[in-house]
C-alpha atoms as a PDB file:
ATOM      1  CA  MET A   1      16.317 -15.348  16.059  1.00  0.00           C
ATOM      2  CA  LYS A   2      14.322 -15.279  12.844  1.00  0.00           C
ATOM      3  CA  SER A   3      11.396 -12.864  12.745  1.00  0.00           C
ATOM      4  CA  ALA A   4       7.736 -13.861  12.750  1.00  0.00           C
ATOM      5  CA  VAL A   5       7.555 -12.935   9.052  1.00  0.00           C
ATOM      6  CA  GLU A   6      10.511 -15.185   8.200  1.00  0.00           C
ATOM      7  CA  GLN A   7       9.176 -18.080  10.274  1.00  0.00           C
ATOM      8  CA  LEU A   8       5.606 -17.805   8.991  1.00  0.00           C
ATOM      9  CA  SER A   9       6.583 -17.368   5.339  1.00  0.00           C
ATOM     10  CA  THR A  10       8.845 -20.417   5.504  1.00  0.00           C
ATOM     11  CA  TYR A  11       6.106 -22.496   7.114  1.00  0.00           C
ATOM     12  CA  LYS A  12       3.425 -21.194   4.759  1.00  0.00           C
ATOM     13  CA  SER A  13       5.598 -22.016   1.731  1.00  0.00           C
ATOM     14  CA  VAL A  14       4.702 -25.689   2.247  1.00  0.00           C
ATOM     15  CA  HIS A  15       1.197 -24.930   3.524  1.00  0.00           C
ATOM     16  CA  LEU A  16      -0.500 -23.119   0.648  1.00  0.00           C
ATOM     17  CA  ASN A  17      -3.124 -25.755  -0.156  1.00  0.00           C
ATOM     18  CA  PRO A  18      -6.411 -25.041   1.700  1.00  0.00           C
ATOM     19  CA  THR A  19      -7.059 -28.754   2.311  1.00  0.00           C
ATOM     20  CA  ASN A  20      -3.622 -29.149   3.865  1.00  0.00           C
ATOM     21  CA  ILE A  21      -4.276 -26.189   6.147  1.00  0.00           C
ATOM     22  CA  LYS A  22      -7.628 -27.691   7.185  1.00  0.00           C
ATOM     23  CA  THR A  23      -6.003 -31.014   8.070  1.00  0.00           C
ATOM     24  CA  HIS A  24      -3.455 -29.120  10.149  1.00  0.00           C
ATOM     25  CA  PHE A  25      -6.240 -27.450  12.125  1.00  0.00           C
ATOM     26  CA  ILE A  26      -7.110 -30.973  13.270  1.00  0.00           C
ATOM     27  CA  GLY A  27      -3.697 -32.637  13.372  1.00  0.00           C
ATOM     28  CA  VAL A  28      -1.599 -29.981  15.108  1.00  0.00           C
ATOM     29  CA  PRO A  29      -3.919 -29.514  18.130  1.00  0.00           C
ATOM     30  CA  LEU A  30      -4.168 -33.304  18.519  1.00  0.00           C
ATOM     31  CA  ILE A  31      -0.386 -33.631  18.478  1.00  0.00           C
ATOM     32  CA  ILE A  32       0.076 -30.756  20.934  1.00  0.00           C
ATOM     33  CA  TRP A  33      -2.532 -32.115  23.325  1.00  0.00           C
ATOM     34  CA  SER A  34      -1.091 -35.633  23.242  1.00  0.00           C
ATOM     35  CA  ALA A  35       2.447 -34.300  23.775  1.00  0.00           C
ATOM     36  CA  PHE A  36       1.215 -32.411  26.840  1.00  0.00           C
ATOM     37  CA  VAL A  37      -0.452 -35.557  28.192  1.00  0.00           C
ATOM     38  CA  MET A  38       2.917 -37.309  27.862  1.00  0.00           C
ATOM     39  CA  LEU A  39       4.783 -34.377  29.468  1.00  0.00           C
ATOM     40  CA  ASN A  40       2.282 -34.384  32.329  1.00  0.00           C
ATOM     41  CA  THR A  41       3.223 -37.967  33.157  1.00  0.00           C
ATOM     42  CA  ILE A  42       6.813 -36.948  33.990  1.00  0.00           C
ATOM     43  CA  PRO A  43       6.883 -37.058  37.796  1.00  0.00           C
ATOM     44  CA  ILE A  44       8.591 -33.693  38.339  1.00  0.00           C
ATOM     45  CA  THR A  45       6.434 -31.016  39.902  1.00  0.00           C
ATOM     46  CA  PHE A  46       7.832 -27.608  40.744  1.00  0.00           C
ATOM     47  CA  LEU A  47       4.719 -26.204  42.402  1.00  0.00           C
ATOM     48  CA  LYS A  48       1.402 -27.733  43.434  1.00  0.00           C
ATOM     49  CA  LEU A  49      -1.375 -25.883  45.211  1.00  0.00           C
ATOM     50  CA  THR A  50      -4.553 -27.737  46.051  1.00  0.00           C
ATOM     51  CA  GLU A  51      -6.953 -24.800  46.426  1.00  0.00           C
ATOM     52  CA  PRO A  52      -7.231 -23.626  43.701  1.00  0.00           C
ATOM     53  CA  THR A  53      -5.647 -26.443  41.767  1.00  0.00           C
ATOM     54  CA  LEU A  54      -2.479 -25.091  40.206  1.00  0.00           C
ATOM     55  CA  VAL A  55       0.354 -27.291  39.069  1.00  0.00           C
ATOM     56  CA  LEU A  56       3.654 -26.235  37.575  1.00  0.00           C
ATOM     57  CA  ASN A  57       5.316 -29.327  36.197  1.00  0.00           C
ATOM     58  CA  VAL A  58       7.345 -30.247  33.107  1.00  0.00           C
ATOM     59  CA  ALA A  59       4.335 -29.656  30.834  1.00  0.00           C
ATOM     60  CA  GLY A  60       3.657 -26.239  32.354  1.00  0.00           C
ATOM     61  CA  LEU A  61       7.313 -25.279  32.195  1.00  0.00           C
ATOM     62  CA  CYS A  62       7.440 -26.328  28.544  1.00  0.00           C
ATOM     63  CA  ALA A  63       4.305 -24.290  27.800  1.00  0.00           C
ATOM     64  CA  VAL A  64       5.765 -21.209  29.485  1.00  0.00           C
ATOM     65  CA  GLY A  65       9.010 -21.554  27.523  1.00  0.00           C
ATOM     66  CA  VAL A  66       7.249 -21.909  24.181  1.00  0.00           C
ATOM     67  CA  LEU A  67       4.886 -19.033  24.973  1.00  0.00           C
ATOM     68  CA  ILE A  68       7.847 -16.776  25.788  1.00  0.00           C
ATOM     69  CA  TYR A  69       9.248 -17.624  22.353  1.00  0.00           C
ATOM     70  CA  TYR A  70       5.891 -16.838  20.726  1.00  0.00           C
ATOM     71  CA  PHE A  71       5.644 -13.522  22.602  1.00  0.00           C
ATOM     72  CA  LYS A  72       9.093 -12.582  21.307  1.00  0.00           C
ATOM     73  CA  LEU A  73       7.899 -13.354  17.768  1.00  0.00           C
ATOM     74  CA  HIS A  74       4.491 -11.628  17.840  1.00  0.00           C
ATOM     75  CA  VAL A  75       2.564 -10.478  20.912  1.00  0.00           C
ATOM     76  CA  ARG A  76      -0.976 -10.591  19.477  1.00  0.00           C
ATOM     77  CA  LEU A  77      -0.573 -14.099  18.038  1.00  0.00           C
ATOM     78  CA  ALA A  78       0.991 -15.222  21.323  1.00  0.00           C
ATOM     79  CA  LEU A  79      -2.055 -13.981  23.226  1.00  0.00           C
ATOM     80  CA  GLY A  80      -4.259 -16.223  21.076  1.00  0.00           C
ATOM     81  CA  LEU A  81      -1.905 -19.145  21.643  1.00  0.00           C
ATOM     82  CA  THR A  82      -2.042 -18.519  25.386  1.00  0.00           C
ATOM     83  CA  LEU A  83      -5.838 -18.822  25.247  1.00  0.00           C
ATOM     84  CA  PHE A  84      -5.395 -22.082  23.326  1.00  0.00           C
ATOM     85  CA  ILE A  85      -2.792 -23.604  25.636  1.00  0.00           C
ATOM     86  CA  ILE A  86      -4.599 -23.031  28.953  1.00  0.00           C
ATOM     87  CA  PRO A  87      -7.372 -25.610  28.332  1.00  0.00           C
ATOM     88  CA  VAL A  88      -4.778 -27.929  26.760  1.00  0.00           C
ATOM     89  CA  LEU A  89      -2.718 -27.793  29.945  1.00  0.00           C
ATOM     90  CA  PHE A  90      -5.699 -28.426  32.225  1.00  0.00           C
ATOM     91  CA  SER A  91      -7.278 -31.220  30.194  1.00  0.00           C
ATOM     92  CA  SER A  92      -3.965 -32.965  29.497  1.00  0.00           C
ATOM     93  CA  TYR A  93      -3.082 -32.803  33.194  1.00  0.00           C
ATOM     94  CA  TYR A  94      -6.289 -34.586  34.174  1.00  0.00           C
ATOM     95  CA  VAL A  95      -5.989 -37.217  31.441  1.00  0.00           C
ATOM     96  CA  ALA A  96      -2.382 -37.874  32.522  1.00  0.00           C
ATOM     97  CA  GLN A  97      -3.723 -38.937  35.933  1.00  0.00           C
ATOM     98  CA  ILE A  98      -5.559 -41.976  34.557  1.00  0.00           C
ATOM     99  CA  GLU A  99      -3.985 -45.379  34.076  1.00  0.00           C
ATOM    100  CA  ALA A 100      -4.395 -45.471  30.287  1.00  0.00           C
ATOM    101  CA  ALA A 101      -2.875 -41.999  29.772  1.00  0.00           C
ATOM    102  CA  TRP A 102      -0.016 -43.188  27.555  1.00  0.00           C
ATOM    103  CA  ILE A 103      -2.317 -45.323  25.380  1.00  0.00           C
ATOM    104  CA  ILE A 104      -4.636 -42.358  24.911  1.00  0.00           C
ATOM    105  CA  ALA A 105      -1.762 -39.963  24.246  1.00  0.00           C
ATOM    106  CA  LEU A 106      -0.030 -42.217  21.730  1.00  0.00           C
ATOM    107  CA  SER A 107      -3.303 -42.957  19.930  1.00  0.00           C
ATOM    108  CA  VAL A 108      -4.158 -39.275  19.646  1.00  0.00           C
ATOM    109  CA  PHE A 109      -0.568 -38.497  18.598  1.00  0.00           C
ATOM    110  CA  VAL A 110      -0.714 -41.032  15.743  1.00  0.00           C
ATOM    111  CA  ILE A 111      -4.138 -39.775  14.611  1.00  0.00           C
ATOM    112  CA  GLY A 112      -2.779 -36.212  14.594  1.00  0.00           C
ATOM    113  CA  TRP A 113       0.169 -37.224  12.415  1.00  0.00           C
ATOM    114  CA  VAL A 114      -2.119 -39.121  10.042  1.00  0.00           C
ATOM    115  CA  PHE A 115      -4.028 -35.872   9.460  1.00  0.00           C
ATOM    116  CA  GLN A 116      -0.727 -34.053   8.901  1.00  0.00           C
ATOM    117  CA  LEU A 117       0.497 -36.585   6.355  1.00  0.00           C
ATOM    118  CA  ILE A 118      -2.824 -36.631   4.507  1.00  0.00           C
ATOM    119  CA  GLY A 119      -2.638 -32.853   4.254  1.00  0.00           C
ATOM    120  CA  HIS A 120       0.849 -32.967   2.808  1.00  0.00           C
ATOM    121  CA  LYS A 121      -0.346 -35.427   0.140  1.00  0.00           C
ATOM    122  CA  TYR A 122      -2.709 -32.666  -1.027  1.00  0.00           C
ATOM    123  CA  GLU A 123       0.062 -30.092  -0.725  1.00  0.00           C
ATOM    124  CA  LYS A 124       2.540 -32.226  -2.654  1.00  0.00           C
ATOM    125  CA  ALA A 125       5.292 -30.858  -0.425  1.00  0.00           C
ATOM    126  CA  LYS A 126       7.208 -32.272   2.501  1.00  0.00           C
ATOM    127  CA  PRO A 127       6.466 -30.977   6.008  1.00  0.00           C
ATOM    128  CA  ALA A 128       8.402 -27.837   6.993  1.00  0.00           C
ATOM    129  CA  PHE A 129      10.174 -29.493   9.923  1.00  0.00           C
ATOM    130  CA  ILE A 130      12.049 -31.873   7.611  1.00  0.00           C
ATOM    131  CA  ASP A 131      14.513 -29.072   6.812  1.00  0.00           C
ATOM    132  CA  ASP A 132      14.237 -27.133  10.087  1.00  0.00           C
ATOM    133  CA  LEU A 133      13.145 -28.720  13.365  1.00  0.00           C
ATOM    134  CA  ASN A 134      12.224 -25.274  14.723  1.00  0.00           C
ATOM    135  CA  GLN A 135       9.274 -25.391  12.323  1.00  0.00           C
ATOM    136  CA  LEU A 136       7.640 -27.871  14.718  1.00  0.00           C
ATOM    137  CA  LEU A 137       7.184 -24.914  17.076  1.00  0.00           C
ATOM    138  CA  ILE A 138       5.937 -22.713  14.243  1.00  0.00           C
ATOM    139  CA  GLY A 139       3.013 -25.012  13.325  1.00  0.00           C
ATOM    140  CA  PRO A 140       0.748 -23.781  16.143  1.00  0.00           C
ATOM    141  CA  PHE A 141       1.952 -20.209  15.588  1.00  0.00           C
ATOM    142  CA  PHE A 142       1.082 -20.496  11.883  1.00  0.00           C
ATOM    143  CA  LEU A 143      -2.381 -21.890  12.631  1.00  0.00           C
ATOM    144  CA  MET A 144      -3.091 -19.048  15.046  1.00  0.00           C
ATOM    145  CA  ALA A 145      -1.999 -16.600  12.335  1.00  0.00           C
ATOM    146  CA  GLU A 146      -4.299 -18.326   9.831  1.00  0.00           C
ATOM    147  CA  LEU A 147      -7.166 -18.149  12.330  1.00  0.00           C
ATOM    148  CA  TYR A 148      -6.532 -14.434  12.822  1.00  0.00           C
ATOM    149  CA  PHE A 149      -6.443 -13.937   9.025  1.00  0.00           C
ATOM    150  CA  MET A 150      -9.771 -15.774   8.647  1.00  0.00           C
ATOM    151  CA  MET A 151     -11.311 -13.465  11.258  1.00  0.00           C
ATOM    152  CA  GLY A 152     -10.005 -10.394   9.438  1.00  0.00           C
ATOM    153  CA  PHE A 153      -7.190  -9.613  11.895  1.00  0.00           C
ATOM    154  CA  GLU A 154      -3.500  -9.073  11.121  1.00  0.00           C
ATOM    155  CA  GLN A 155      -4.132  -8.554   7.398  1.00  0.00           C
ATOM    156  CA  ASP A 156      -0.875  -6.592   7.038  1.00  0.00           C
ATOM    157  CA  LEU A 157       1.006  -9.643   8.305  1.00  0.00           C
ATOM    158  CA  ASN A 158      -0.869 -11.883   5.875  1.00  0.00           C
ATOM    159  CA  GLN A 159      -0.068  -9.562   2.961  1.00  0.00           C
ATOM    160  CA  GLU A 160       3.576  -9.584   3.980  1.00  0.00           C
ATOM    161  CA  ILE A 161       4.056 -13.331   4.423  1.00  0.00           C
ATOM    162  CA  THR A 162       1.974 -14.726   1.550  1.00  0.00           C
ATOM    163  CA  PRO A 163       4.062 -13.351  -1.357  1.00  0.00           C
ATOM    164  CA  LEU A 164       7.237 -14.422   0.451  1.00  0.00           C
ATOM    165  CA  ALA A 165       5.780 -17.900   0.957  1.00  0.00           C
ATOM    166  CA  VAL A 166       4.811 -18.197  -2.705  1.00  0.00           C
ATOM    167  CA  ALA A 167       8.312 -17.104  -3.758  1.00  0.00           C
ATOM    168  CA  LYS A 168       9.909 -19.608  -1.362  1.00  0.00           C
ATOM    169  CA  ARG A 169       7.642 -22.346  -2.730  1.00  0.00           C
ATOM    170  CA  ARG A 170       8.693 -21.542  -6.289  1.00  0.00           C
ATOM    171  CA  GLU A 171      12.324 -21.846  -5.235  1.00  0.00           C
ATOM    172  CA  LEU A 172      11.605 -25.186  -3.559  1.00  0.00           C
ATOM    173  CA  GLU A 173       9.884 -26.459  -6.683  1.00  0.00           C
ATOM    174  CA  LYS A 174      12.781 -25.360  -8.893  1.00  0.00           C
ATOM    175  CA  GLY A 175      15.122 -27.445  -6.782  1.00  0.00           C
ATOM    176  CA  ALA A 176      12.811 -30.474  -6.690  1.00  0.00           C
ATOM    177  CA  PRO A 177      13.649 -33.382  -8.955  1.00  0.00           C
ATOM    178  CA  THR A 178      11.229 -33.852 -11.823  1.00  0.00           C
ATOM    179  CA  ALA A 179       9.481 -37.183 -12.266  1.00  0.00           C
END
C-alpha cells in the first residue's frame, strides 16, 4: 500500500491551482453524498435498530471500509473524515427513503462532476483518477489534508508533499504533448 505522502503528492500534482482546489471542495462532497444516497437504496441491511435509529447497510459498510483505509494512511486525517462522513451517512440515508432519491442523487452527482471538470480546466491537467482509479478514494483524503493545512495543522505533511507534487507535475508536463 502506498503511503499517505505518496498518495497525497500524486493527487496534489494535478491539484496545484487554488481555483481547482476550491471547485473540488464543492464537487467532491456532492459526489460523495450522491454516491451514498445511491448506495443507501440497495436493499441489503445488515443491522437495523429502531431506538436509536442505527442502520448498517451497504452504504455504512462502504463507509467503514473506506475509513479503515484512511486510518491506515493517516490517523488524524481519518478522524476528520469520520466527522465528515457521519452526517453524510445520516442525511443520505433519509434522502434514499423518498421516491425521487435516484433523481436527486443523479442530479447532485452530475453537478459535482461539473464542478470537478471546471476546476481541471483551470488546472490544465487531467483528473488524477484517469491514471489510477485509487485516486478516487484519495480525493476526500486530499481535501481533508488541505483543510487541515488551511487551519495550520499538519504543516510537516504539507511541507513534505508539496515539493513532491510540484516535481511530479513537472514530470507530467515534460511528458505532455506540446500544442
